[in-house]
Amino acid sequence: MLRARIKGVGTAGNDAHAVVVEAGGRYLPVMITGDQARSIQIGISGESFERPLTHDLLLTTINEMGGALDRIVVDDLMNGTFYAKVHVERYDKGEREEFVIDARPSDAIALSVRTEAPIEVSEEVMDEAGRTEDEIEFRDI
């Protein structure tokens, strides 16, 4: 696994958006909707609202049940679709339990930026879909 970070969220065409993840000097553009891009941007900026948004609600639920977001992993690419896992940990009577939950990468990233949980990308995914900096073009939202 490669440790990754968010390079940015931007437009990738007329109505298309992407979140770009950087790992090992390569960039992984993940196509997302405008709503997903906005949720990630809100998490990055730390903007808060009077009522919880969906990703905030999920994190609150995880925390209220005694868990914490451990990390997210972008671990597969099939037919042009990225797959991710959300790793949640919980301690029960001193014993660590880990739950691995299938997720869209955009949702996993939106959770990660709210908690600063690490982002990891499998080397296989980066080898297949990673780009150089010269191959990435996007405007920040």
Foldseek 3Di string as FASTA:
>chain_A
DWWKDWPAKFADDDQWIWTWIDTPQWIFTAIDGPVLSVLLVCLLVVDDDPDDDPLRVVQVVQVVVQKHFAEKEQEDADPNAIKIWTWIWGADPNDIDIDIHIDGPSSRSSNCSNPVHIYYYDPVCCVVGIHHPVPDDGDHD
